[in-house]
Structures are given as C-alpha cells and as structure tokens.
C-alpha atoms as a PDB file:
ATOM      1  CA  MET A   1      89.852  92.941 131.094  1.00  0.00           C
ATOM      2  CA  THR A   2      92.235  95.263 129.241  1.00  0.00           C
ATOM      3  CA  TYR A   3      95.539  94.235 127.665  1.00  0.00           C
ATOM      4  CA  TYR A   4      98.321  96.388 126.207  1.00  0.00           C
ATOM      5  CA  THR A   5     101.264  95.653 123.901  1.00  0.00           C
ATOM      6  CA  LYS A   6     104.009  97.932 122.625  1.00  0.00           C
ATOM      7  CA  GLY A   7     104.626  98.415 118.928  1.00  0.00           C
ATOM      8  CA  LYS A   8     107.956  97.756 117.196  1.00  0.00           C
ATOM      9  CA  LEU A   9     110.684  99.022 114.945  1.00  0.00           C
ATOM     10  CA  LEU A  10     112.889  96.711 112.881  1.00  0.00           C
ATOM     11  CA  LEU A  11     116.336  98.313 112.823  1.00  0.00           C
ATOM     12  CA  THR A  12     118.078  95.598 110.813  1.00  0.00           C
ATOM     13  CA  GLY A  13     117.145  92.445 108.941  1.00  0.00           C
ATOM     14  CA  GLU A  14     114.163  93.608 106.905  1.00  0.00           C
ATOM     15  CA  TYR A  15     113.350  91.044 104.208  1.00  0.00           C
ATOM     16  CA  ALA A  16     116.420  88.951 105.098  1.00  0.00           C
ATOM     17  CA  VAL A  17     114.855  87.788 108.369  1.00  0.00           C
ATOM     18  CA  LEU A  18     112.414  85.747 106.271  1.00  0.00           C
ATOM     19  CA  LYS A  19     115.361  83.702 104.967  1.00  0.00           C
ATOM     20  CA  GLY A  20     116.978  83.060 108.353  1.00  0.00           C
ATOM     21  CA  ALA A  21     119.146  86.160 108.889  1.00  0.00           C
ATOM     22  CA  LYS A  22     119.287  87.598 112.382  1.00  0.00           C
ATOM     23  CA  ALA A  23     117.301  90.794 112.850  1.00  0.00           C
ATOM     24  CA  TYR A  24     117.563  93.507 115.488  1.00  0.00           C
ATOM     25  CA  ALA A  25     114.207  94.910 116.614  1.00  0.00           C
ATOM     26  CA  ILE A  26     113.140  97.237 119.406  1.00  0.00           C
ATOM     27  CA  PRO A  27     109.823  97.995 121.121  1.00  0.00           C
ATOM     28  CA  ALA A  28     108.294 101.407 120.528  1.00  0.00           C
ATOM     29  CA  LYS A  29     106.928 103.695 123.200  1.00  0.00           C
ATOM     30  CA  TYR A  30     103.568 103.534 121.442  1.00  0.00           C
ATOM     31  CA  GLY A  31     101.251 100.557 121.236  1.00  0.00           C
ATOM     32  CA  GLN A  32      97.710  99.216 121.271  1.00  0.00           C
ATOM     33  CA  SER A  33      95.237  98.172 123.949  1.00  0.00           C
ATOM     34  CA  LEU A  34      92.489  95.562 123.767  1.00  0.00           C
ATOM     35  CA  GLU A  35      89.512  95.559 126.115  1.00  0.00           C
ATOM     36  CA  VAL A  36      87.246  92.507 126.195  1.00  0.00           C
ATOM     37  CA  LYS A  37      83.984  92.580 128.140  1.00  0.00           C
ATOM     38  CA  PRO A  38      80.551  90.945 127.988  1.00  0.00           C
ATOM     39  CA  ASN A  39      77.675  92.716 126.287  1.00  0.00           C
ATOM     40  CA  HIS A  40      73.917  92.214 126.470  1.00  0.00           C
ATOM     41  CA  THR A  41      73.196  91.729 122.757  1.00  0.00           C
ATOM     42  CA  ASN A  42      72.942  88.595 120.629  1.00  0.00           C
ATOM     43  CA  ARG A  43      76.171  89.329 118.730  1.00  0.00           C
ATOM     44  CA  HIS A  44      79.904  89.831 119.210  1.00  0.00           C
ATOM     45  CA  GLN A  45      80.866  93.452 118.605  1.00  0.00           C
ATOM     46  CA  TRP A  46      84.302  94.707 117.541  1.00  0.00           C
ATOM     47  CA  ARG A  47      85.281  98.394 117.529  1.00  0.00           C
ATOM     48  CA  SER A  48      88.761  99.720 116.697  1.00  0.00           C
ATOM     49  CA  TYR A  49      89.893 103.271 117.476  1.00  0.00           C
ATOM     50  CA  ASP A  50      92.948 105.369 116.721  1.00  0.00           C
ATOM     51  CA  LEU A  51      93.738 108.998 117.544  1.00  0.00           C
ATOM     52  CA  GLN A  52      91.091 110.208 115.070  1.00  0.00           C
ATOM     53  CA  GLY A  53      88.288 108.032 116.418  1.00  0.00           C
ATOM     54  CA  MET A  54      86.701 104.766 115.320  1.00  0.00           C
ATOM     55  CA  TRP A  55      88.147 103.457 112.046  1.00  0.00           C
ATOM     56  CA  PHE A  56      86.872  99.878 111.964  1.00  0.00           C
ATOM     57  CA  GLU A  57      83.770  98.073 113.197  1.00  0.00           C
ATOM     58  CA  VAL A  58      82.217  94.675 112.725  1.00  0.00           C
ATOM     59  CA  ASP A  59      79.488  92.607 114.362  1.00  0.00           C
ATOM     60  CA  PHE A  60      79.580  88.803 114.277  1.00  0.00           C
ATOM     61  CA  SER A  61      76.929  86.230 115.024  1.00  0.00           C
ATOM     62  CA  LEU A  62      77.373  84.407 118.333  1.00  0.00           C
ATOM     63  CA  ASN A  63      78.786  81.335 116.598  1.00  0.00           C
ATOM     64  CA  LEU A  64      81.153  83.589 114.568  1.00  0.00           C
ATOM     65  CA  ASN A  65      79.922  82.060 111.309  1.00  0.00           C
ATOM     66  CA  ARG A  66      78.324  85.228 109.997  1.00  0.00           C
ATOM     67  CA  ILE A  67      79.409  88.847 109.583  1.00  0.00           C
ATOM     68  CA  ILE A  68      76.325  90.877 110.427  1.00  0.00           C
ATOM     69  CA  GLN A  69      77.665  94.307 109.533  1.00  0.00           C
ATOM     70  CA  THR A  70      81.006  96.015 108.951  1.00  0.00           C
ATOM     71  CA  ASN A  71      82.612  99.039 107.316  1.00  0.00           C
ATOM     72  CA  GLU A  72      85.647  97.025 106.111  1.00  0.00           C
ATOM     73  CA  PRO A  73      84.601  93.652 104.625  1.00  0.00           C
ATOM     74  CA  GLU A  74      88.099  92.280 103.909  1.00  0.00           C
ATOM     75  CA  LYS A  75      89.424  93.184 107.352  1.00  0.00           C
ATOM     76  CA  ALA A  76      86.288  91.706 108.889  1.00  0.00           C
ATOM     77  CA  LYS A  77      86.843  88.375 107.097  1.00  0.00           C
ATOM     78  CA  LEU A  78      90.434  88.168 108.327  1.00  0.00           C
ATOM     79  CA  LEU A  79      89.412  89.018 111.885  1.00  0.00           C
ATOM     80  CA  GLN A  80      86.637  86.436 111.685  1.00  0.00           C
ATOM     81  CA  LYS A  81      89.218  83.814 110.717  1.00  0.00           C
ATOM     82  CA  ILE A  82      91.403  84.732 113.716  1.00  0.00           C
ATOM     83  CA  LEU A  83      88.513  84.651 116.185  1.00  0.00           C
ATOM     84  CA  GLN A  84      87.223  81.368 114.774  1.00  0.00           C
ATOM     85  CA  TYR A  85      90.668  79.853 115.304  1.00  0.00           C
ATOM     86  CA  ILE A  86      90.651  81.035 118.927  1.00  0.00           C
ATOM     87  CA  GLN A  87      87.138  79.648 119.281  1.00  0.00           C
ATOM     88  CA  GLN A  88      88.344  76.217 118.094  1.00  0.00           C
ATOM     89  CA  LYS A  89      91.068  76.251 120.725  1.00  0.00           C
ATOM     90  CA  LYS A  90      89.124  77.927 123.549  1.00  0.00           C
ATOM     91  CA  SER A  91      85.409  77.459 122.894  1.00  0.00           C
ATOM     92  CA  ASN A  92      84.510  78.422 126.468  1.00  0.00           C
ATOM     93  CA  LEU A  93      85.569  82.023 125.753  1.00  0.00           C
ATOM     94  CA  PHE A  94      82.661  82.588 123.366  1.00  0.00           C
ATOM     95  CA  LYS A  95      79.729  81.203 125.352  1.00  0.00           C
ATOM     96  CA  SER A  96      78.144  84.649 125.579  1.00  0.00           C
ATOM     97  CA  ALA A  97      78.256  87.856 123.545  1.00  0.00           C
ATOM     98  CA  LEU A  98      81.468  89.873 123.829  1.00  0.00           C
ATOM     99  CA  SER A  99      82.562  93.404 123.043  1.00  0.00           C
ATOM    100  CA  PHE A 100      86.124  93.911 121.804  1.00  0.00           C
ATOM    101  CA  ILE A 101      87.522  97.446 121.853  1.00  0.00           C
ATOM    102  CA  THR A 102      91.001  98.267 120.523  1.00  0.00           C
ATOM    103  CA  GLN A 103      92.757 101.621 120.896  1.00  0.00           C
ATOM    104  CA  LEU A 104      95.955 102.733 119.155  1.00  0.00           C
ATOM    105  CA  ASP A 105      97.881 105.549 120.838  1.00  0.00           C
ATOM    106  CA  TYR A 106      99.673 106.526 117.603  1.00  0.00           C
ATOM    107  CA  ASN A 107      98.878 107.162 113.940  1.00  0.00           C
ATOM    108  CA  ARG A 108      97.897 103.738 112.597  1.00  0.00           C
ATOM    109  CA  LEU A 109      99.555 104.512 109.236  1.00  0.00           C
ATOM    110  CA  TRP A 110     102.988 104.658 110.901  1.00  0.00           C
ATOM    111  CA  GLY A 111     103.577 100.915 110.587  1.00  0.00           C
ATOM    112  CA  LEU A 112     104.549 100.347 114.216  1.00  0.00           C
ATOM    113  CA  GLY A 113     102.689  97.065 114.438  1.00  0.00           C
ATOM    114  CA  SER A 114      98.913  97.457 114.619  1.00  0.00           C
ATOM    115  CA  SER A 115      98.561  93.835 113.452  1.00  0.00           C
ATOM    116  CA  SER A 116     101.216  92.276 115.677  1.00  0.00           C
ATOM    117  CA  THR A 117     100.105  94.144 118.802  1.00  0.00           C
ATOM    118  CA  LEU A 118      96.563  92.977 118.109  1.00  0.00           C
ATOM    119  CA  LEU A 119      97.668  89.332 117.914  1.00  0.00           C
ATOM    120  CA  VAL A 120      99.743  89.562 121.085  1.00  0.00           C
ATOM    121  CA  ASN A 121      96.812  91.161 122.908  1.00  0.00           C
ATOM    122  CA  LEU A 122      94.527  88.381 121.687  1.00  0.00           C
ATOM    123  CA  TYR A 123      97.068  85.873 123.003  1.00  0.00           C
ATOM    124  CA  LYS A 124      97.120  87.626 126.381  1.00  0.00           C
ATOM    125  CA  TRP A 125      93.342  87.408 126.514  1.00  0.00           C
ATOM    126  CA  SER A 126      92.831  83.904 125.144  1.00  0.00           C
ATOM    127  CA  GLY A 127      96.064  82.040 125.821  1.00  0.00           C
ATOM    128  CA  VAL A 128      96.232  80.906 122.171  1.00  0.00           C
ATOM    129  CA  ASN A 129      99.810  81.119 120.874  1.00  0.00           C
ATOM    130  CA  ALA A 130     100.385  84.428 119.090  1.00  0.00           C
ATOM    131  CA  PHE A 131     102.643  82.795 116.472  1.00  0.00           C
ATOM    132  CA  GLU A 132      99.831  80.425 115.540  1.00  0.00           C
ATOM    133  CA  LEU A 133      97.508  83.393 115.131  1.00  0.00           C
ATOM    134  CA  LEU A 134     100.095  85.078 112.914  1.00  0.00           C
ATOM    135  CA  ASN A 135     100.513  81.960 110.806  1.00  0.00           C
ATOM    136  CA  ILE A 136      96.797  81.692 109.972  1.00  0.00           C
ATOM    137  CA  SER A 137      96.342  85.411 109.332  1.00  0.00           C
ATOM    138  CA  PHE A 138      98.943  88.017 108.385  1.00  0.00           C
ATOM    139  CA  GLY A 139     102.005  85.795 107.919  1.00  0.00           C
ATOM    140  CA  GLY A 140     105.567  87.095 108.096  1.00  0.00           C
ATOM    141  CA  SER A 141     108.667  86.285 110.121  1.00  0.00           C
ATOM    142  CA  GLY A 142     107.093  86.845 113.544  1.00  0.00           C
ATOM    143  CA  TYR A 143     109.790  89.216 114.802  1.00  0.00           C
ATOM    144  CA  ASP A 144     107.084  91.754 115.632  1.00  0.00           C
ATOM    145  CA  ILE A 145     105.242  89.160 117.721  1.00  0.00           C
ATOM    146  CA  ALA A 146     108.457  88.422 119.612  1.00  0.00           C
ATOM    147  CA  VAL A 147     109.040  92.133 120.306  1.00  0.00           C
ATOM    148  CA  GLY A 148     105.504  92.435 121.648  1.00  0.00           C
ATOM    149  CA  LEU A 149     106.011  89.430 123.916  1.00  0.00           C
ATOM    150  CA  ALA A 150     109.475  90.484 125.104  1.00  0.00           C
ATOM    151  CA  GLY A 151     108.889  94.216 125.571  1.00  0.00           C
ATOM    152  CA  GLN A 152     112.665  94.650 125.177  1.00  0.00           C
ATOM    153  CA  PRO A 153     115.130  94.977 122.284  1.00  0.00           C
ATOM    154  CA  ILE A 154     115.653  91.563 120.715  1.00  0.00           C
ATOM    155  CA  LEU A 155     117.915  89.741 118.294  1.00  0.00           C
ATOM    156  CA  TYR A 156     115.568  87.491 116.351  1.00  0.00           C
ATOM    157  CA  GLN A 157     116.080  84.571 113.995  1.00  0.00           C
ATOM    158  CA  LEU A 158     114.078  81.899 112.245  1.00  0.00           C
ATOM    159  CA  VAL A 159     115.838  78.547 112.246  1.00  0.00           C
ATOM    160  CA  THR A 160     114.983  74.984 111.295  1.00  0.00           C
ATOM    161  CA  PRO A 161     114.655  72.432 114.110  1.00  0.00           C
ATOM    162  CA  ASP A 162     117.837  70.585 113.150  1.00  0.00           C
ATOM    163  CA  GLN A 163     119.846  73.775 113.670  1.00  0.00           C
ATOM    164  CA  ILE A 164     118.756  74.178 117.277  1.00  0.00           C
ATOM    165  CA  ASN A 165     121.053  73.120 120.078  1.00  0.00           C
ATOM    166  CA  LEU A 166     119.243  74.000 123.258  1.00  0.00           C
ATOM    167  CA  GLN A 167     122.295  73.135 125.354  1.00  0.00           C
ATOM    168  CA  ASN A 168     124.500  75.708 123.670  1.00  0.00           C
ATOM    169  CA  THR A 169     122.268  78.618 122.794  1.00  0.00           C
ATOM    170  CA  ALA A 170     121.811  81.940 124.538  1.00  0.00           C
ATOM    171  CA  TYR A 171     118.383  82.331 123.003  1.00  0.00           C
ATOM    172  CA  ASN A 172     114.982  81.940 124.537  1.00  0.00           C
ATOM    173  CA  TYR A 173     113.194  79.051 122.857  1.00  0.00           C
ATOM    174  CA  GLY A 174     110.139  80.728 121.492  1.00  0.00           C
ATOM    175  CA  TYR A 175     107.587  78.423 119.909  1.00  0.00           C
ATOM    176  CA  LYS A 176     108.073  74.733 120.526  1.00  0.00           C
ATOM    177  CA  THR A 177     105.465  73.140 118.274  1.00  0.00           C
ATOM    178  CA  GLY A 178     106.495  74.387 114.833  1.00  0.00           C
ATOM    179  CA  TYR A 179     105.987  77.756 113.207  1.00  0.00           C
ATOM    180  CA  ASN A 180     104.831  77.505 109.615  1.00  0.00           C
ATOM    181  CA  ASP A 181     104.660  75.287 106.554  1.00  0.00           C
ATOM    182  CA  VAL A 182     108.429  74.923 106.340  1.00  0.00           C
ATOM    183  CA  ASN A 183     108.634  74.223 110.067  1.00  0.00           C
ATOM    184  CA  LEU A 184     110.672  77.250 111.084  1.00  0.00           C
ATOM    185  CA  LEU A 185     111.059  78.165 114.721  1.00  0.00           C
ATOM    186  CA  PRO A 186     111.637  81.657 116.104  1.00  0.00           C
ATOM    187  CA  LEU A 187     114.371  82.164 118.666  1.00  0.00           C
ATOM    188  CA  TRP A 188     115.162  85.439 120.306  1.00  0.00           C
ATOM    189  CA  GLN A 189     117.627  86.960 122.689  1.00  0.00           C
ATOM    190  CA  ILE A 190     116.717  89.891 124.928  1.00  0.00           C
ATOM    191  CA  ASN A 191     118.976  92.862 125.594  1.00  0.00           C
ATOM    192  CA  GLN A 192     117.879  95.375 128.224  1.00  0.00           C
ATOM    193  CA  ASN A 193     120.562  97.880 127.213  1.00  0.00           C
ATOM    194  CA  LYS A 194     118.722 100.273 124.907  1.00  0.00           C
ATOM    195  CA  SER A 195     121.411 102.938 124.561  1.00  0.00           C
ATOM    196  CA  PHE A 196     123.950 103.469 121.795  1.00  0.00           C
ATOM    197  CA  GLY A 197     125.382 106.634 123.330  1.00  0.00           C
ATOM    198  CA  PHE A 198     124.771 108.829 120.281  1.00  0.00           C
ATOM    199  CA  GLU A 199     120.959 108.855 120.187  1.00  0.00           C
ATOM    200  CA  ASP A 200     120.942 112.627 119.658  1.00  0.00           C
ATOM    201  CA  LYS A 201     122.199 111.964 116.119  1.00  0.00           C
ATOM    202  CA  LEU A 202     119.464 109.472 115.208  1.00  0.00           C
ATOM    203  CA  TRP A 203     116.079 110.481 113.762  1.00  0.00           C
ATOM    204  CA  LEU A 204     112.996 108.646 112.562  1.00  0.00           C
ATOM    205  CA  VAL A 205     111.286 110.233 109.581  1.00  0.00           C
ATOM    206  CA  TYR A 206     107.839 109.152 108.387  1.00  0.00           C
ATOM    207  CA  LEU A 207     107.639 109.056 104.593  1.00  0.00           C
ATOM    208  CA  ASN A 208     103.910 109.905 104.504  1.00  0.00           C
ATOM    209  CA  LYS A 209     103.170 106.542 102.927  1.00  0.00           C
ATOM    210  CA  LYS A 210     101.949 103.272 104.442  1.00  0.00           C
ATOM    211  CA  GLN A 211     103.701 100.286 102.905  1.00  0.00           C
ATOM    212  CA  SER A 212     102.044  96.862 102.671  1.00  0.00           C
ATOM    213  CA  SER A 213     104.309  94.528 104.616  1.00  0.00           C
ATOM    214  CA  ARG A 214     102.168  91.529 103.612  1.00  0.00           C
ATOM    215  CA  GLN A 215     102.786  92.192  99.929  1.00  0.00           C
ATOM    216  CA  ALA A 216     106.482  92.826 100.530  1.00  0.00           C
ATOM    217  CA  VAL A 217     106.746  89.483 102.345  1.00  0.00           C
ATOM    218  CA  GLN A 218     105.066  87.586  99.522  1.00  0.00           C
ATOM    219  CA  ASN A 219     107.272  89.217  96.886  1.00  0.00           C
ATOM    220  CA  PHE A 220     110.497  88.538  98.765  1.00  0.00           C
ATOM    221  CA  LYS A 221     109.729  84.884  99.489  1.00  0.00           C
ATOM    222  CA  LYS A 222     110.036  84.220  95.753  1.00  0.00           C
ATOM    223  CA  ARG A 223     113.580  85.592  95.606  1.00  0.00           C
ATOM    224  CA  THR A 224     116.814  83.636  95.845  1.00  0.00           C
ATOM    225  CA  VAL A 225     119.456  85.145  98.130  1.00  0.00           C
ATOM    226  CA  THR A 226     122.995  84.079  98.964  1.00  0.00           C
ATOM    227  CA  GLN A 227     124.065  82.647 102.298  1.00  0.00           C
ATOM    228  CA  ALA A 228     126.959  85.122 102.283  1.00  0.00           C
ATOM    229  CA  ASP A 229     124.536  88.063 102.234  1.00  0.00           C
ATOM    230  CA  LEU A 230     122.387  86.524 104.961  1.00  0.00           C
ATOM    231  CA  HIS A 231     125.485  85.947 107.098  1.00  0.00           C
ATOM    232  CA  GLU A 232     126.561  89.565 106.620  1.00  0.00           C
ATOM    233  CA  ILE A 233     123.131  90.872 107.639  1.00  0.00           C
ATOM    234  CA  SER A 234     123.308  88.661 110.742  1.00  0.00           C
ATOM    235  CA  ARG A 235     126.776  90.006 111.557  1.00  0.00           C
ATOM    236  CA  ILE A 236     125.547  93.603 111.294  1.00  0.00           C
ATOM    237  CA  SER A 237     122.521  92.835 113.471  1.00  0.00           C
ATOM    238  CA  GLU A 238     124.688  91.205 116.134  1.00  0.00           C
ATOM    239  CA  LYS A 239     127.117  94.116 116.266  1.00  0.00           C
ATOM    240  CA  LEU A 240     124.342  96.689 116.670  1.00  0.00           C
ATOM    241  CA  PHE A 241     122.440  94.532 119.140  1.00  0.00           C
ATOM    242  CA  ASN A 242     125.490  94.103 121.355  1.00  0.00           C
ATOM    243  CA  LYS A 243     126.109  97.872 121.224  1.00  0.00           C
ATOM    244  CA  ASP A 244     129.864  97.475 120.638  1.00  0.00           C
ATOM    245  CA  VAL A 245     129.889 100.257 118.049  1.00  0.00           C
ATOM    246  CA  ASP A 246     130.806 103.917 117.954  1.00  0.00           C
ATOM    247  CA  TYR A 247     129.000 106.404 115.734  1.00  0.00           C
ATOM    248  CA  GLU A 248     131.361 106.002 112.773  1.00  0.00           C
ATOM    249  CA  LEU A 249     131.022 102.211 112.773  1.00  0.00           C
ATOM    250  CA  PHE A 250     127.262 102.511 113.253  1.00  0.00           C
ATOM    251  CA  VAL A 251     126.984 104.618 110.088  1.00  0.00           C
ATOM    252  CA  GLU A 252     129.261 102.241 108.188  1.00  0.00           C
ATOM    253  CA  LEU A 253     127.138  99.237 109.187  1.00  0.00           C
ATOM    254  CA  LEU A 254     123.893 100.956 108.177  1.00  0.00           C
ATOM    255  CA  ASN A 255     125.308 101.834 104.767  1.00  0.00           C
ATOM    256  CA  ARG A 256     126.520  98.269 104.274  1.00  0.00           C
ATOM    257  CA  HIS A 257     123.095  96.939 105.290  1.00  0.00           C
ATOM    258  CA  GLU A 258     121.309  99.201 102.784  1.00  0.00           C
ATOM    259  CA  HIS A 259     123.627  98.091 100.002  1.00  0.00           C
ATOM    260  CA  ILE A 260     123.014  94.385 100.686  1.00  0.00           C
ATOM    261  CA  ILE A 261     119.211  94.683 100.922  1.00  0.00           C
ATOM    262  CA  SER A 262     119.142  96.862  97.807  1.00  0.00           C
ATOM    263  CA  SER A 263     120.893  94.080  95.928  1.00  0.00           C
ATOM    264  CA  MET A 264     118.631  91.400  97.440  1.00  0.00           C
ATOM    265  CA  ILE A 265     115.370  93.028  96.401  1.00  0.00           C
ATOM    266  CA  ASN A 266     116.729  94.676  93.245  1.00  0.00           C
ATOM    267  CA  GLN A 267     115.605  98.145  94.288  1.00  0.00           C
ATOM    268  CA  PRO A 268     117.573 101.375  94.688  1.00  0.00           C
ATOM    269  CA  THR A 269     117.876 102.688  98.222  1.00  0.00           C
ATOM    270  CA  ILE A 270     115.525 105.348  99.535  1.00  0.00           C
ATOM    271  CA  LYS A 271     118.441 107.771  99.670  1.00  0.00           C
ATOM    272  CA  GLN A 272     119.149 107.202  95.972  1.00  0.00           C
ATOM    273  CA  ILE A 273     115.494 107.754  95.098  1.00  0.00           C
ATOM    274  CA  LEU A 274     114.484 110.663  97.328  1.00  0.00           C
ATOM    275  CA  PHE A 275     117.404 112.128  99.250  1.00  0.00           C
ATOM    276  CA  LYS A 276     120.549 112.055  97.114  1.00  0.00           C
ATOM    277  CA  ASP A 277     121.766 115.371  98.538  1.00  0.00           C
ATOM    278  CA  TYR A 278     121.385 114.366 102.193  1.00  0.00           C
ATOM    279  CA  PRO A 279     124.845 114.482 103.836  1.00  0.00           C
ATOM    280  CA  GLY A 280     124.126 111.782 106.416  1.00  0.00           C
ATOM    281  CA  THR A 281     123.122 108.128 106.260  1.00  0.00           C
ATOM    282  CA  ILE A 282     119.568 106.960 105.594  1.00  0.00           C
ATOM    283  CA  LYS A 283     118.282 103.475 106.284  1.00  0.00           C
ATOM    284  CA  SER A 284     114.845 102.043 105.517  1.00  0.00           C
ATOM    285  CA  LEU A 285     112.966 100.471 108.397  1.00  0.00           C
ATOM    286  CA  GLY A 286     110.698  97.581 107.411  1.00  0.00           C
ATOM    287  CA  ALA A 287     109.264  97.261 103.914  1.00  0.00           C
ATOM    288  CA  TRP A 288     111.077  99.654 101.572  1.00  0.00           C
ATOM    289  CA  GLY A 289     109.238 102.606 100.132  1.00  0.00           C
ATOM    290  CA  GLY A 290     107.033 103.557 103.074  1.00  0.00           C
ATOM    291  CA  ASP A 291     106.661 103.894 106.826  1.00  0.00           C
ATOM    292  CA  PHE A 292     109.770 105.203 108.636  1.00  0.00           C
ATOM    293  CA  ILE A 293     113.393 105.717 107.715  1.00  0.00           C
ATOM    294  CA  LEU A 294     116.288 106.149 110.129  1.00  0.00           C
ATOM    295  CA  ALA A 295     118.461 109.202 109.398  1.00  0.00           C
ATOM    296  CA  THR A 296     121.761 110.069 111.047  1.00  0.00           C
ATOM    297  CA  GLY A 297     123.094 113.531 111.801  1.00  0.00           C
ATOM    298  CA  LYS A 298     122.070 116.393 114.082  1.00  0.00           C
ATOM    299  CA  ASP A 299     120.832 118.511 111.150  1.00  0.00           C
ATOM    300  CA  ALA A 300     118.275 115.934 109.986  1.00  0.00           C
ATOM    301  CA  PRO A 301     115.120 117.748 111.234  1.00  0.00           C
ATOM    302  CA  ALA A 302     115.783 120.935 109.252  1.00  0.00           C
ATOM    303  CA  TYR A 303     116.607 119.005 106.085  1.00  0.00           C
ATOM    304  CA  PHE A 304     113.489 116.828 106.149  1.00  0.00           C
ATOM    305  CA  TYR A 305     111.158 119.647 107.195  1.00  0.00           C
ATOM    306  CA  ASN A 306     112.383 121.583 104.167  1.00  0.00           C
ATOM    307  CA  LYS A 307     111.559 118.549 102.027  1.00  0.00           C
ATOM    308  CA  GLY A 308     107.977 118.574 103.292  1.00  0.00           C
ATOM    309  CA  TYR A 309     108.152 115.766 105.850  1.00  0.00           C
ATOM    310  CA  GLN A 310     106.414 116.748 109.059  1.00  0.00           C
ATOM    311  CA  THR A 311     106.773 113.659 111.264  1.00  0.00           C
ATOM    312  CA  ILE A 312     110.385 113.640 112.483  1.00  0.00           C
ATOM    313  CA  ILE A 313     110.974 111.931 115.812  1.00  0.00           C
ATOM    314  CA  GLY A 314     114.191 111.727 117.812  1.00  0.00           C
ATOM    315  CA  TYR A 315     115.240 108.124 118.370  1.00  0.00           C
ATOM    316  CA  PRO A 316     114.943 108.339 122.182  1.00  0.00           C
ATOM    317  CA  GLU A 317     111.409 109.709 121.905  1.00  0.00           C
ATOM    318  CA  ILE A 318     110.009 106.582 120.296  1.00  0.00           C
ATOM    319  CA  LEU A 319     111.653 104.026 122.606  1.00  0.00           C
END
C-alpha cells in the first residue's frame, strides 16, 4: 500500500503556538509518500528518497530491537523508537519482514514537513494516532500533523481540557485522549477558501539554510511570554484565516506579527538582519533564521535573485 501526505507552511503563530496562541497554517502542493510492502528477507528495510536519490537507509531486526545497518545512526534510533511504539500498539503489523519506502517530491531541506508527513503516513498505514507518534519522537505543537490530516488551511490551537466547551466551539476536536505531558489538546478549524485576492504580490524565498525546528522548540519552551502578546498573535491569525483583509491590512498584520515574535524570542527580524533595504514586508515562516520567508511586493523576485537567492516561489505555486 502507498500513502501520501501534503507538506505545510506556517503563516502565523510560529513559536507562540507552543504557548496556546492560534496559528494559521496551510498545506503545500508538495509532500511525501510512504509505500509499505512485504519483503522476503529476515529484516525490516527502510529506504528514504528525495529528488537527488536515496538519502537515508536502515535495516532492523524482525523484532525491531536491533539496528543491523544504517547510514544515519541518530535518525535510525529515532525511527526505531517510532516503529517500536507502533509495534506495541499494533503487533500484528510486524509479523513478517516489511519494506518501507518514502519519497519526497521536493527538496528535503526546504522545511515543508518531512517529519510530520512521515508521521501522518505512518498513521494512515498503522492506525496509531499521529499525535502520539509526534509526542514520543519529534515533539512540537502538532500543527503540522493537523495540516497533514486536514489537507486544508487550518486555524490551530493548543488548549487545556478545562478550556474546551464542545457545545460552543467551531473547532474539530482533534485528539481526545491527551496530547503531551502538560495535557494539551489540539483543536483546529478548517477553511476551504485559500485565496486572499492578492497572491501575485506574495513570494516565498528559501534562505538556503535548514533550521532545526526541534532546537527552536526546546529553546522557546523555556521562555516566559505575556498573555497580551499571545492574544495579539491569535487575533492576527484569525483575521488572516478568515480572509477579511485587503493588501494594506495584510502587510500591517505581518509587520505587527514580526515585531511581537521578535520581542518574544529576543531576536532581530530577518529583514533587520539581511534585507534592511527591501521596500516590502518580510515575514519569517517557522523557526527564525532558516527555511522560507514570505515577502510582499511584485518586485520581490528581482531583488532576491540579485541577493543570490535562487529559490523564489510565487505563493499560488506552492499551494
């Protein structure tokens, strides 16, 4: 069987989503497939491919207790932990040797969700809750899991159980048995309207650097943030999600968002660091300092090409 899940982009709420702010995320056009089939060896075989070919391989013993061979020991240990968890829940799935083959249809350094799409695909294959798999492996808010499950733009929030009123919420109740060690639950609302109406002025620029979202998560969890800032991030996310903005308000909201997150994480904005002379607005997407930025203005491609950035994608092209 073969399973496929779209990647993601987090337009608003980076970092703050970990503290309960609402975040606006969209599925990408690109994603990852997982094929699972029996093999005739005495081991489970895992092979991962991207556009350049195979980048990761590992063989496990049939009981998953031993890594027989791999080219990436740390990744192999984490994958072993995930598969062992699935085995505990669904032991019948591992009665015979299996081959797992993953294929990314984009550059895996882009940060579009190679980890989250993997976990959602494993859920589709095994039936083991993808949020549980996230909790015992990569960690994080889970917004990327929700995007993979929904396949639509979502407004996402982590809340505590005592904040949930299922009678008066427009959200889909995501994970009913608890999410992590502080018992947070993800809720998300789906919006099938993907258009702002000014997409020709929006560009995604890859900064030629992969940022570690796991490290960014761990660093931010130690920070203290104000409820006022979290509320403001939620307000911005809601406005953009509901699409009740024109271009001028859109730019204003992005600038406000950058200012708040900059203060939260005590880092200057990417525009201040790299692009002070850019006439439009620039917003980081995901962990600051790497992956993609969102730039506004029709002249963005020429500006960033001249700065040496080669991966510049129109917003509609990645949806």
